[in-house]
N, C-alpha and C. Protein backbone atom coordinates (compact mmCIF):
# COMPACT_ATOMS: atom_id res chain seq x y z
N MET A 1 -67.17 -170.87 -107.02
CA MET A 1 -68.19 -170.63 -106.01
C MET A 1 -67.92 -169.29 -105.29
N SER A 2 -68.92 -168.46 -105.20
CA SER A 2 -68.80 -167.20 -104.50
C SER A 2 -68.71 -167.39 -103.00
N VAL A 3 -68.08 -166.41 -102.35
CA VAL A 3 -67.98 -166.39 -100.91
C VAL A 3 -68.66 -165.12 -100.43
N ILE A 4 -69.61 -165.23 -99.50
CA ILE A 4 -70.30 -164.07 -98.93
C ILE A 4 -69.82 -163.91 -97.51
N LEU A 5 -69.22 -162.75 -97.21
CA LEU A 5 -68.76 -162.43 -95.86
C LEU A 5 -69.82 -161.51 -95.23
N PHE A 6 -70.25 -161.90 -94.04
CA PHE A 6 -71.28 -161.13 -93.32
C PHE A 6 -70.69 -160.68 -92.01
N GLY A 7 -70.27 -159.40 -92.00
CA GLY A 7 -69.61 -158.85 -90.81
C GLY A 7 -70.55 -158.02 -89.95
N GLY A 8 -70.19 -157.80 -88.70
CA GLY A 8 -70.97 -156.99 -87.81
C GLY A 8 -70.64 -157.30 -86.37
N SER A 9 -71.28 -156.50 -85.46
CA SER A 9 -71.04 -156.74 -84.05
C SER A 9 -71.82 -157.96 -83.55
N PHE A 10 -73.02 -158.15 -84.07
CA PHE A 10 -73.85 -159.32 -83.71
C PHE A 10 -73.95 -159.42 -82.17
N ASP A 11 -74.50 -158.36 -81.58
CA ASP A 11 -74.56 -158.30 -80.12
C ASP A 11 -75.99 -157.96 -79.62
N PRO A 12 -76.90 -158.93 -79.78
CA PRO A 12 -76.76 -160.32 -80.21
C PRO A 12 -77.10 -160.51 -81.72
N PHE A 13 -76.91 -161.73 -82.19
CA PHE A 13 -77.39 -162.15 -83.52
C PHE A 13 -78.92 -162.23 -83.43
N HIS A 14 -79.63 -161.42 -84.26
CA HIS A 14 -81.07 -161.39 -84.15
C HIS A 14 -81.78 -161.71 -85.46
N ASN A 15 -83.08 -161.63 -85.47
CA ASN A 15 -83.87 -162.09 -86.65
C ASN A 15 -83.63 -161.17 -87.86
N GLY A 16 -83.24 -159.94 -87.65
CA GLY A 16 -82.89 -159.05 -88.78
C GLY A 16 -81.62 -159.58 -89.48
N HIS A 17 -80.62 -160.00 -88.71
CA HIS A 17 -79.44 -160.61 -89.28
C HIS A 17 -79.80 -161.87 -90.01
N LEU A 18 -80.64 -162.69 -89.44
CA LEU A 18 -81.11 -163.94 -90.05
C LEU A 18 -81.71 -163.67 -91.42
N ALA A 19 -82.64 -162.67 -91.46
CA ALA A 19 -83.33 -162.35 -92.70
C ALA A 19 -82.37 -161.86 -93.78
N MET A 20 -81.38 -161.07 -93.37
CA MET A 20 -80.38 -160.57 -94.32
C MET A 20 -79.60 -161.74 -94.92
N ALA A 21 -79.15 -162.66 -94.06
CA ALA A 21 -78.40 -163.83 -94.51
C ALA A 21 -79.23 -164.71 -95.43
N GLN A 22 -80.52 -164.86 -95.09
CA GLN A 22 -81.40 -165.69 -95.93
C GLN A 22 -81.62 -165.04 -97.30
N ALA A 23 -81.73 -163.73 -97.35
CA ALA A 23 -81.85 -163.01 -98.62
C ALA A 23 -80.61 -163.21 -99.48
N ALA A 24 -79.43 -163.15 -98.83
CA ALA A 24 -78.21 -163.40 -99.60
C ALA A 24 -78.12 -164.81 -100.11
N LYS A 25 -78.50 -165.75 -99.30
CA LYS A 25 -78.50 -167.15 -99.73
C LYS A 25 -79.51 -167.41 -100.89
N THR A 26 -80.59 -166.68 -100.87
CA THR A 26 -81.57 -166.81 -101.96
C THR A 26 -80.97 -166.28 -103.28
N ALA A 27 -80.23 -165.15 -103.17
CA ALA A 27 -79.62 -164.54 -104.35
C ALA A 27 -78.45 -165.40 -104.85
N PHE A 28 -77.71 -166.02 -103.95
CA PHE A 28 -76.55 -166.83 -104.30
C PHE A 28 -76.67 -168.18 -103.62
N PRO A 29 -77.55 -169.07 -104.06
CA PRO A 29 -77.82 -170.32 -103.34
C PRO A 29 -76.57 -171.23 -103.22
N ALA A 30 -75.65 -171.12 -104.16
CA ALA A 30 -74.47 -172.00 -104.08
C ALA A 30 -73.29 -171.39 -103.33
N ALA A 31 -73.47 -170.19 -102.84
CA ALA A 31 -72.37 -169.46 -102.21
C ALA A 31 -72.02 -169.99 -100.82
N ARG A 32 -70.79 -169.86 -100.44
CA ARG A 32 -70.35 -170.14 -99.10
C ARG A 32 -70.55 -168.87 -98.26
N LEU A 33 -71.37 -169.00 -97.19
CA LEU A 33 -71.70 -167.85 -96.37
C LEU A 33 -70.89 -167.95 -95.08
N VAL A 34 -70.11 -166.89 -94.77
CA VAL A 34 -69.29 -166.87 -93.56
C VAL A 34 -69.65 -165.66 -92.74
N ILE A 35 -70.12 -165.89 -91.52
CA ILE A 35 -70.39 -164.85 -90.57
C ILE A 35 -69.13 -164.50 -89.82
N VAL A 36 -68.78 -163.17 -89.81
CA VAL A 36 -67.52 -162.76 -89.22
C VAL A 36 -67.77 -161.69 -88.15
N PRO A 37 -67.96 -162.08 -86.89
CA PRO A 37 -68.19 -161.06 -85.84
C PRO A 37 -66.96 -160.23 -85.63
N ALA A 38 -67.17 -158.94 -85.50
CA ALA A 38 -66.05 -158.01 -85.35
C ALA A 38 -65.46 -158.08 -83.94
N ALA A 39 -64.16 -157.82 -83.87
CA ALA A 39 -63.52 -157.64 -82.56
C ALA A 39 -64.04 -156.29 -81.99
N ARG A 40 -63.96 -155.26 -82.80
CA ARG A 40 -64.48 -153.95 -82.43
C ARG A 40 -64.79 -153.15 -83.66
N SER A 41 -65.99 -152.61 -83.72
CA SER A 41 -66.35 -151.78 -84.89
C SER A 41 -65.57 -150.45 -84.87
N PRO A 42 -64.98 -150.07 -86.02
CA PRO A 42 -64.30 -148.78 -86.05
C PRO A 42 -65.23 -147.61 -85.83
N PHE A 43 -66.55 -147.84 -86.02
CA PHE A 43 -67.50 -146.75 -85.89
C PHE A 43 -68.14 -146.69 -84.50
N LYS A 44 -67.72 -147.59 -83.59
CA LYS A 44 -68.29 -147.63 -82.26
C LYS A 44 -67.08 -147.50 -81.29
N GLY A 45 -67.20 -146.54 -80.38
CA GLY A 45 -66.10 -146.30 -79.49
C GLY A 45 -66.03 -147.22 -78.28
N HIS A 46 -66.97 -148.14 -78.14
CA HIS A 46 -67.02 -148.97 -76.96
C HIS A 46 -66.90 -150.45 -77.40
N LEU A 47 -66.55 -151.27 -76.44
CA LEU A 47 -66.52 -152.72 -76.68
C LEU A 47 -67.94 -153.28 -76.60
N ALA A 48 -68.17 -154.41 -77.29
CA ALA A 48 -69.49 -154.99 -77.30
C ALA A 48 -69.88 -155.46 -75.88
N PRO A 49 -71.10 -155.14 -75.46
CA PRO A 49 -71.51 -155.51 -74.08
C PRO A 49 -71.39 -156.97 -73.74
N ALA A 50 -71.73 -157.87 -74.67
CA ALA A 50 -71.72 -159.30 -74.34
C ALA A 50 -70.33 -159.91 -74.33
N GLY A 51 -69.38 -159.25 -74.91
CA GLY A 51 -68.04 -159.81 -75.01
C GLY A 51 -67.88 -160.81 -76.15
N ASN A 52 -66.63 -161.06 -76.52
CA ASN A 52 -66.39 -161.87 -77.72
C ASN A 52 -66.87 -163.36 -77.59
N THR A 53 -66.65 -163.94 -76.45
CA THR A 53 -67.03 -165.39 -76.31
C THR A 53 -68.50 -165.58 -76.49
N HIS A 54 -69.32 -164.74 -75.86
CA HIS A 54 -70.77 -164.88 -76.00
C HIS A 54 -71.23 -164.54 -77.42
N ARG A 55 -70.68 -163.46 -77.95
CA ARG A 55 -71.14 -163.09 -79.33
C ARG A 55 -70.79 -164.17 -80.35
N LEU A 56 -69.62 -164.75 -80.21
CA LEU A 56 -69.23 -165.86 -81.09
C LEU A 56 -70.16 -167.02 -80.94
N ALA A 57 -70.53 -167.38 -79.71
CA ALA A 57 -71.40 -168.49 -79.46
C ALA A 57 -72.80 -168.19 -80.07
N MET A 58 -73.31 -166.98 -79.92
CA MET A 58 -74.62 -166.64 -80.46
C MET A 58 -74.62 -166.66 -82.00
N CYS A 59 -73.52 -166.23 -82.61
CA CYS A 59 -73.40 -166.35 -84.07
C CYS A 59 -73.44 -167.78 -84.52
N ARG A 60 -72.79 -168.65 -83.79
CA ARG A 60 -72.78 -170.08 -84.16
C ARG A 60 -74.18 -170.68 -84.03
N LEU A 61 -74.90 -170.24 -83.01
CA LEU A 61 -76.30 -170.74 -82.84
C LEU A 61 -77.18 -170.19 -83.96
N GLY A 62 -76.98 -168.93 -84.31
CA GLY A 62 -77.79 -168.33 -85.38
C GLY A 62 -77.45 -168.90 -86.74
N ALA A 63 -76.21 -169.35 -86.91
CA ALA A 63 -75.78 -169.89 -88.21
C ALA A 63 -76.35 -171.25 -88.50
N GLN A 64 -76.84 -171.96 -87.47
CA GLN A 64 -77.33 -173.31 -87.66
C GLN A 64 -78.45 -173.40 -88.72
N ALA A 65 -79.36 -172.41 -88.71
CA ALA A 65 -80.49 -172.43 -89.66
C ALA A 65 -80.08 -172.02 -91.03
N LEU A 66 -78.87 -171.58 -91.21
CA LEU A 66 -78.39 -171.01 -92.50
C LEU A 66 -77.41 -171.91 -93.26
N GLN A 67 -76.98 -172.95 -92.60
CA GLN A 67 -75.86 -173.74 -93.12
C GLN A 67 -74.67 -172.82 -93.43
N ALA A 68 -74.41 -171.98 -92.52
CA ALA A 68 -73.34 -170.99 -92.65
C ALA A 68 -72.16 -171.29 -91.75
N GLU A 69 -71.03 -170.76 -92.05
CA GLU A 69 -69.84 -170.90 -91.19
C GLU A 69 -69.73 -169.63 -90.34
N VAL A 70 -68.98 -169.74 -89.27
CA VAL A 70 -68.66 -168.59 -88.44
C VAL A 70 -67.14 -168.56 -88.30
N SER A 71 -66.61 -167.41 -88.55
CA SER A 71 -65.10 -167.20 -88.45
C SER A 71 -64.82 -166.25 -87.32
N ASP A 72 -63.84 -166.67 -86.44
CA ASP A 72 -63.43 -165.78 -85.32
C ASP A 72 -62.16 -165.02 -85.71
N TRP A 73 -61.87 -164.90 -86.98
CA TRP A 73 -60.60 -164.29 -87.40
C TRP A 73 -60.49 -162.87 -86.90
N GLU A 74 -61.51 -162.06 -87.05
CA GLU A 74 -61.42 -160.65 -86.60
C GLU A 74 -61.22 -160.60 -85.12
N MET A 75 -61.85 -161.43 -84.37
CA MET A 75 -61.70 -161.47 -82.92
C MET A 75 -60.25 -161.87 -82.52
N GLN A 76 -59.70 -162.85 -83.26
CA GLN A 76 -58.35 -163.29 -82.99
C GLN A 76 -57.37 -162.18 -83.36
N ALA A 77 -57.64 -161.45 -84.45
CA ALA A 77 -56.73 -160.42 -84.91
C ALA A 77 -56.74 -159.22 -83.94
N GLY A 78 -57.89 -158.97 -83.34
CA GLY A 78 -58.02 -157.90 -82.38
C GLY A 78 -57.98 -156.49 -82.97
N GLY A 79 -58.18 -155.50 -82.17
CA GLY A 79 -58.20 -154.09 -82.62
C GLY A 79 -59.45 -153.82 -83.43
N PRO A 80 -59.49 -152.63 -84.01
CA PRO A 80 -60.66 -152.26 -84.87
C PRO A 80 -60.74 -153.25 -86.06
N SER A 81 -61.94 -153.64 -86.38
CA SER A 81 -62.17 -154.64 -87.46
C SER A 81 -62.46 -153.91 -88.77
N TYR A 82 -61.40 -153.77 -89.57
CA TYR A 82 -61.55 -153.09 -90.85
C TYR A 82 -61.89 -154.09 -91.94
N THR A 83 -62.95 -153.86 -92.67
CA THR A 83 -63.40 -154.81 -93.67
C THR A 83 -62.34 -155.10 -94.73
N VAL A 84 -61.58 -154.06 -95.13
CA VAL A 84 -60.59 -154.27 -96.18
C VAL A 84 -59.50 -155.27 -95.71
N ARG A 85 -59.12 -155.23 -94.44
CA ARG A 85 -58.15 -156.17 -93.90
C ARG A 85 -58.71 -157.57 -93.89
N THR A 86 -59.96 -157.70 -93.54
CA THR A 86 -60.62 -159.04 -93.46
C THR A 86 -60.74 -159.65 -94.85
N VAL A 87 -61.19 -158.87 -95.79
CA VAL A 87 -61.38 -159.39 -97.17
C VAL A 87 -60.02 -159.79 -97.72
N ARG A 88 -58.98 -159.01 -97.49
CA ARG A 88 -57.66 -159.38 -97.98
C ARG A 88 -57.21 -160.70 -97.38
N ARG A 89 -57.47 -160.93 -96.09
CA ARG A 89 -57.06 -162.15 -95.45
C ARG A 89 -57.77 -163.32 -96.09
N PHE A 90 -59.10 -163.21 -96.31
CA PHE A 90 -59.85 -164.30 -96.87
C PHE A 90 -59.42 -164.56 -98.33
N LEU A 91 -59.18 -163.51 -99.08
CA LEU A 91 -58.71 -163.70 -100.47
C LEU A 91 -57.37 -164.38 -100.49
N GLN A 92 -56.49 -164.08 -99.56
CA GLN A 92 -55.21 -164.73 -99.51
C GLN A 92 -55.33 -166.22 -99.21
N ALA A 93 -56.28 -166.56 -98.33
CA ALA A 93 -56.48 -167.93 -97.95
C ALA A 93 -57.26 -168.73 -99.03
N GLN A 94 -58.20 -168.03 -99.69
CA GLN A 94 -59.02 -168.67 -100.71
C GLN A 94 -59.38 -167.68 -101.78
N PRO A 95 -58.59 -167.56 -102.87
CA PRO A 95 -58.93 -166.71 -103.96
C PRO A 95 -60.24 -167.08 -104.60
N ASP A 96 -61.17 -166.14 -104.71
CA ASP A 96 -62.51 -166.46 -105.22
C ASP A 96 -63.22 -165.13 -105.48
N GLU A 97 -64.51 -165.24 -105.87
CA GLU A 97 -65.35 -164.03 -106.02
C GLU A 97 -65.97 -163.74 -104.67
N TYR A 98 -65.68 -162.57 -104.12
CA TYR A 98 -66.19 -162.25 -102.80
C TYR A 98 -67.31 -161.20 -102.86
N TRP A 99 -68.26 -161.35 -101.94
CA TRP A 99 -69.29 -160.35 -101.70
C TRP A 99 -69.35 -160.08 -100.23
N PHE A 100 -69.58 -158.80 -99.87
CA PHE A 100 -69.72 -158.41 -98.49
C PHE A 100 -71.16 -158.06 -98.22
N LEU A 101 -71.80 -158.71 -97.27
CA LEU A 101 -73.21 -158.47 -96.97
C LEU A 101 -73.34 -157.43 -95.88
N CYS A 102 -74.13 -156.45 -96.13
CA CYS A 102 -74.35 -155.38 -95.15
C CYS A 102 -75.75 -154.78 -95.34
N GLY A 103 -76.17 -154.06 -94.28
CA GLY A 103 -77.45 -153.37 -94.39
C GLY A 103 -77.27 -152.06 -95.16
N ALA A 104 -78.39 -151.53 -95.65
CA ALA A 104 -78.35 -150.30 -96.39
C ALA A 104 -77.78 -149.15 -95.53
N ASP A 105 -78.08 -149.16 -94.22
CA ASP A 105 -77.60 -148.08 -93.35
C ASP A 105 -76.06 -148.06 -93.32
N SER A 106 -75.43 -149.21 -93.35
CA SER A 106 -73.99 -149.29 -93.39
C SER A 106 -73.42 -148.94 -94.75
N PHE A 107 -74.12 -149.45 -95.81
CA PHE A 107 -73.60 -149.29 -97.16
C PHE A 107 -73.52 -147.82 -97.56
N VAL A 108 -74.45 -146.97 -97.13
CA VAL A 108 -74.40 -145.59 -97.52
C VAL A 108 -73.25 -144.84 -96.90
N THR A 109 -72.60 -145.42 -95.88
CA THR A 109 -71.42 -144.82 -95.28
C THR A 109 -70.11 -145.31 -95.87
N LEU A 110 -70.21 -146.13 -96.91
CA LEU A 110 -69.03 -146.81 -97.46
C LEU A 110 -67.85 -145.87 -97.77
N PRO A 111 -68.08 -144.67 -98.28
CA PRO A 111 -66.92 -143.79 -98.58
C PRO A 111 -66.10 -143.46 -97.31
N MET A 112 -66.67 -143.69 -96.12
CA MET A 112 -65.95 -143.42 -94.86
C MET A 112 -65.13 -144.60 -94.41
N TRP A 113 -65.28 -145.78 -95.05
CA TRP A 113 -64.60 -147.00 -94.60
C TRP A 113 -63.13 -146.89 -94.99
N ARG A 114 -62.28 -147.58 -94.23
CA ARG A 114 -60.84 -147.57 -94.49
C ARG A 114 -60.53 -148.13 -95.88
N GLU A 115 -59.69 -147.46 -96.63
CA GLU A 115 -59.24 -147.87 -97.95
C GLU A 115 -60.44 -148.21 -98.83
N TYR A 116 -61.37 -147.32 -98.84
CA TYR A 116 -62.60 -147.50 -99.54
C TYR A 116 -62.41 -147.91 -101.01
N GLU A 117 -61.60 -147.18 -101.75
CA GLU A 117 -61.41 -147.51 -103.19
C GLU A 117 -60.73 -148.85 -103.37
N ALA A 118 -59.77 -149.20 -102.51
CA ALA A 118 -59.18 -150.51 -102.61
C ALA A 118 -60.17 -151.60 -102.32
N LEU A 119 -61.06 -151.36 -101.38
CA LEU A 119 -62.09 -152.34 -101.03
C LEU A 119 -62.98 -152.65 -102.20
N LEU A 120 -63.31 -151.62 -103.01
CA LEU A 120 -64.22 -151.82 -104.15
C LEU A 120 -63.61 -152.79 -105.15
N ALA A 121 -62.28 -152.84 -105.24
CA ALA A 121 -61.65 -153.75 -106.16
C ALA A 121 -61.55 -155.17 -105.65
N LEU A 122 -61.78 -155.32 -104.34
CA LEU A 122 -61.60 -156.65 -103.71
C LEU A 122 -62.89 -157.42 -103.58
N THR A 123 -64.00 -156.76 -103.36
CA THR A 123 -65.30 -157.43 -103.07
C THR A 123 -66.44 -156.65 -103.67
N GLY A 124 -67.49 -157.37 -104.00
CA GLY A 124 -68.79 -156.76 -104.33
C GLY A 124 -69.57 -156.55 -103.05
N PHE A 125 -70.68 -155.91 -103.14
CA PHE A 125 -71.52 -155.63 -101.96
C PHE A 125 -72.93 -156.10 -102.19
N LEU A 126 -73.42 -156.92 -101.27
CA LEU A 126 -74.84 -157.34 -101.20
C LEU A 126 -75.46 -156.49 -100.15
N VAL A 127 -76.47 -155.67 -100.54
CA VAL A 127 -77.04 -154.71 -99.65
C VAL A 127 -78.48 -155.03 -99.35
N ALA A 128 -78.76 -155.30 -98.06
CA ALA A 128 -80.11 -155.59 -97.65
C ALA A 128 -80.88 -154.30 -97.54
N CYS A 129 -81.95 -154.19 -98.35
CA CYS A 129 -82.75 -152.97 -98.39
C CYS A 129 -83.71 -152.95 -97.20
N ARG A 130 -83.49 -152.03 -96.30
CA ARG A 130 -84.32 -151.92 -95.10
C ARG A 130 -85.02 -150.56 -95.12
N ASN A 131 -86.12 -150.50 -94.40
CA ASN A 131 -86.94 -149.28 -94.42
C ASN A 131 -86.27 -148.08 -93.77
N ASP A 132 -85.16 -148.31 -92.99
CA ASP A 132 -84.57 -147.19 -92.26
C ASP A 132 -83.66 -146.35 -93.10
N THR A 133 -83.47 -146.68 -94.38
CA THR A 133 -82.62 -145.91 -95.29
C THR A 133 -83.42 -145.44 -96.47
N PRO A 134 -83.51 -144.11 -96.71
CA PRO A 134 -84.26 -143.61 -97.86
C PRO A 134 -83.82 -144.22 -99.18
N ALA A 135 -84.79 -144.60 -100.02
CA ALA A 135 -84.47 -145.32 -101.28
C ALA A 135 -83.59 -144.47 -102.21
N LEU A 136 -83.85 -143.14 -102.27
CA LEU A 136 -83.04 -142.30 -103.14
C LEU A 136 -81.63 -142.23 -102.69
N ARG A 137 -81.39 -142.19 -101.35
CA ARG A 137 -80.01 -142.16 -100.84
C ARG A 137 -79.31 -143.47 -101.13
N LEU A 138 -79.99 -144.58 -101.01
CA LEU A 138 -79.43 -145.86 -101.28
C LEU A 138 -79.07 -145.99 -102.78
N GLN A 139 -79.98 -145.61 -103.64
CA GLN A 139 -79.74 -145.70 -105.09
C GLN A 139 -78.55 -144.82 -105.47
N ALA A 140 -78.44 -143.67 -104.88
CA ALA A 140 -77.31 -142.76 -105.19
C ALA A 140 -75.99 -143.38 -104.74
N ALA A 141 -75.97 -144.02 -103.59
CA ALA A 141 -74.77 -144.66 -103.11
C ALA A 141 -74.38 -145.83 -103.99
N ALA A 142 -75.37 -146.60 -104.43
CA ALA A 142 -75.07 -147.74 -105.30
C ALA A 142 -74.56 -147.30 -106.63
N GLU A 143 -75.12 -146.23 -107.18
CA GLU A 143 -74.67 -145.71 -108.46
C GLU A 143 -73.23 -145.17 -108.36
N GLN A 144 -72.92 -144.53 -107.24
CA GLN A 144 -71.58 -144.03 -107.04
C GLN A 144 -70.53 -145.17 -107.04
N VAL A 145 -70.87 -146.25 -106.36
CA VAL A 145 -69.99 -147.43 -106.33
C VAL A 145 -69.82 -148.03 -107.71
N ARG A 146 -70.89 -148.12 -108.45
CA ARG A 146 -70.81 -148.69 -109.82
C ARG A 146 -69.99 -147.82 -110.75
N GLN A 147 -70.11 -146.54 -110.60
CA GLN A 147 -69.31 -145.61 -111.44
C GLN A 147 -67.84 -145.75 -111.14
N GLN A 148 -67.49 -146.18 -109.93
CA GLN A 148 -66.08 -146.39 -109.59
C GLN A 148 -65.63 -147.83 -109.85
N GLY A 149 -66.44 -148.58 -110.57
CA GLY A 149 -66.08 -149.91 -110.96
C GLY A 149 -66.43 -150.98 -109.97
N GLY A 150 -67.18 -150.64 -108.91
CA GLY A 150 -67.56 -151.62 -107.93
C GLY A 150 -68.78 -152.40 -108.30
N ARG A 151 -69.00 -153.50 -107.58
CA ARG A 151 -70.19 -154.37 -107.79
C ARG A 151 -71.13 -154.18 -106.66
N VAL A 152 -72.41 -154.00 -107.02
CA VAL A 152 -73.43 -153.85 -106.00
C VAL A 152 -74.66 -154.63 -106.44
N GLN A 153 -75.22 -155.37 -105.51
CA GLN A 153 -76.52 -156.01 -105.77
C GLN A 153 -77.42 -155.72 -104.56
N LEU A 154 -78.62 -155.11 -104.82
CA LEU A 154 -79.53 -154.81 -103.76
C LEU A 154 -80.44 -156.01 -103.52
N LEU A 155 -80.65 -156.33 -102.29
CA LEU A 155 -81.41 -157.52 -101.90
C LEU A 155 -82.77 -157.09 -101.30
N ALA A 156 -83.86 -157.50 -101.90
CA ALA A 156 -85.15 -157.29 -101.30
C ALA A 156 -85.37 -158.19 -100.11
N MET A 157 -85.88 -157.66 -99.03
CA MET A 157 -86.17 -158.49 -97.87
C MET A 157 -87.35 -157.90 -97.10
N PRO A 158 -88.09 -158.75 -96.44
CA PRO A 158 -89.25 -158.25 -95.68
C PRO A 158 -88.81 -157.41 -94.52
N PRO A 159 -89.58 -156.42 -94.11
CA PRO A 159 -89.18 -155.62 -92.94
C PRO A 159 -89.13 -156.45 -91.70
N VAL A 160 -88.06 -156.32 -90.94
CA VAL A 160 -87.92 -157.03 -89.68
C VAL A 160 -87.64 -156.01 -88.61
N PRO A 161 -88.65 -155.58 -87.88
CA PRO A 161 -88.50 -154.48 -86.91
C PRO A 161 -87.78 -154.91 -85.63
N VAL A 162 -86.48 -155.02 -85.76
CA VAL A 162 -85.70 -155.45 -84.58
C VAL A 162 -84.29 -154.81 -84.70
N SER A 163 -83.68 -154.49 -83.58
CA SER A 163 -82.32 -153.98 -83.55
C SER A 163 -81.64 -154.63 -82.36
N SER A 164 -80.29 -154.68 -82.42
CA SER A 164 -79.58 -155.22 -81.27
C SER A 164 -79.77 -154.41 -80.02
N THR A 165 -79.85 -153.10 -80.20
CA THR A 165 -80.07 -152.18 -79.06
C THR A 165 -81.37 -152.54 -78.35
N ALA A 166 -82.44 -152.76 -79.16
CA ALA A 166 -83.73 -153.07 -78.59
C ALA A 166 -83.74 -154.43 -77.88
N VAL A 167 -83.07 -155.39 -78.47
CA VAL A 167 -82.98 -156.73 -77.83
C VAL A 167 -82.27 -156.63 -76.50
N ARG A 168 -81.14 -155.90 -76.46
CA ARG A 168 -80.41 -155.76 -75.23
C ARG A 168 -81.26 -155.09 -74.15
N ALA A 169 -82.01 -154.06 -74.58
CA ALA A 169 -82.86 -153.34 -73.58
C ALA A 169 -83.91 -154.24 -73.05
N ALA A 170 -84.51 -155.05 -73.90
CA ALA A 170 -85.57 -156.00 -73.44
C ALA A 170 -84.99 -157.01 -72.49
N ALA A 171 -83.80 -157.57 -72.82
CA ALA A 171 -83.15 -158.57 -71.93
C ALA A 171 -82.80 -157.92 -70.60
N ARG A 172 -82.33 -156.70 -70.65
CA ARG A 172 -81.96 -155.98 -69.43
C ARG A 172 -83.19 -155.78 -68.52
N ALA A 173 -84.35 -155.60 -69.15
CA ALA A 173 -85.59 -155.39 -68.41
C ALA A 173 -86.24 -156.71 -67.95
N GLY A 174 -85.59 -157.81 -68.29
CA GLY A 174 -86.12 -159.11 -67.92
C GLY A 174 -87.23 -159.60 -68.82
N GLU A 175 -87.37 -159.05 -70.01
CA GLU A 175 -88.43 -159.44 -70.90
C GLU A 175 -88.03 -160.59 -71.78
N ASP A 176 -88.99 -161.31 -72.29
CA ASP A 176 -88.77 -162.42 -73.21
C ASP A 176 -88.31 -161.87 -74.59
N VAL A 177 -87.17 -162.33 -75.09
CA VAL A 177 -86.66 -161.82 -76.38
C VAL A 177 -86.85 -162.85 -77.51
N SER A 178 -87.62 -163.91 -77.26
CA SER A 178 -87.73 -164.97 -78.24
C SER A 178 -88.40 -164.58 -79.54
N ALA A 179 -89.12 -163.43 -79.54
CA ALA A 179 -89.75 -162.97 -80.78
C ALA A 179 -88.73 -162.20 -81.64
N PHE A 180 -87.59 -161.88 -81.12
CA PHE A 180 -86.61 -161.04 -81.83
C PHE A 180 -85.35 -161.74 -82.26
N VAL A 181 -85.06 -162.89 -81.69
CA VAL A 181 -83.84 -163.63 -82.02
C VAL A 181 -84.16 -165.08 -82.29
N PRO A 182 -83.30 -165.78 -83.02
CA PRO A 182 -83.54 -167.25 -83.21
C PRO A 182 -83.67 -167.95 -81.86
N SER A 183 -84.50 -169.02 -81.85
CA SER A 183 -84.80 -169.71 -80.56
C SER A 183 -83.51 -170.11 -79.77
N PRO A 184 -82.49 -170.70 -80.46
CA PRO A 184 -81.29 -171.09 -79.69
C PRO A 184 -80.58 -169.86 -79.06
N VAL A 185 -80.66 -168.73 -79.77
CA VAL A 185 -80.03 -167.51 -79.24
C VAL A 185 -80.80 -166.98 -78.02
N ALA A 186 -82.13 -167.07 -78.10
CA ALA A 186 -82.97 -166.66 -76.97
C ALA A 186 -82.64 -167.49 -75.72
N ARG A 187 -82.53 -168.80 -75.92
CA ARG A 187 -82.20 -169.63 -74.78
C ARG A 187 -80.83 -169.34 -74.21
N TYR A 188 -79.87 -169.04 -75.09
CA TYR A 188 -78.51 -168.73 -74.66
C TYR A 188 -78.47 -167.46 -73.85
N ILE A 189 -79.22 -166.44 -74.33
CA ILE A 189 -79.27 -165.17 -73.61
C ILE A 189 -79.85 -165.35 -72.20
N GLN A 190 -80.92 -166.16 -72.15
CA GLN A 190 -81.57 -166.40 -70.86
C GLN A 190 -80.67 -167.21 -69.92
N GLU A 191 -80.11 -168.28 -70.42
CA GLU A 191 -79.28 -169.17 -69.61
C GLU A 191 -78.01 -168.44 -69.06
N ASN A 192 -77.47 -167.51 -69.85
CA ASN A 192 -76.25 -166.84 -69.45
C ASN A 192 -76.54 -165.46 -68.86
N LYS A 193 -77.81 -165.10 -68.72
CA LYS A 193 -78.22 -163.82 -68.12
C LYS A 193 -77.49 -162.66 -68.78
N LEU A 194 -77.45 -162.70 -70.11
CA LEU A 194 -76.75 -161.64 -70.83
C LEU A 194 -77.54 -160.32 -70.78
N TYR A 195 -76.78 -159.28 -70.82
CA TYR A 195 -77.24 -157.85 -70.87
C TYR A 195 -77.94 -157.42 -69.60
N GLN A 196 -78.00 -158.22 -68.60
CA GLN A 196 -78.62 -157.79 -67.34
C GLN A 196 -77.58 -157.01 -66.51
N GLU A 197 -78.10 -156.11 -65.68
CA GLU A 197 -77.19 -155.29 -64.87
C GLU A 197 -76.39 -156.18 -63.93
């Protein structure tokens, strides 16, 4: 059975994340899907606004509709969350075929990731095709990975016009965010007054 690791800041977990996970589950219906919220993204110089406890709770609420697991391993490990370190840890605990789920915008930066070439030998990549990344750039990145012996599968998914930044801005303005995040997550944001000044 394949294992799909879905990493990210998830601040908050929104409908775009949900659509990506559903596309991965459609491509690999028997796979074990594990959502892994980062302690801190190496590409972001700041800590997540909602904090680890709230982000973990929102991931767990978002995972309910997916029959997915949520792992707090990166949060417990602390420091910058490097994908290669996480995949190695999961492989050590459960040797299997691994895939890492990410958006096209992240995938095209793959050569900048820590131990990039080692990572290609450890996991394949499921890439959610979104409109914010030019198709030619995405195809070129996928071909480069394949030429280096890596595994890539592009996932078609409907456009979901939402971002974590936009959700946080709406919540900060006191607006209803239920159109952008799963219902349990919307209630959690409201009840905990997240992202408000």
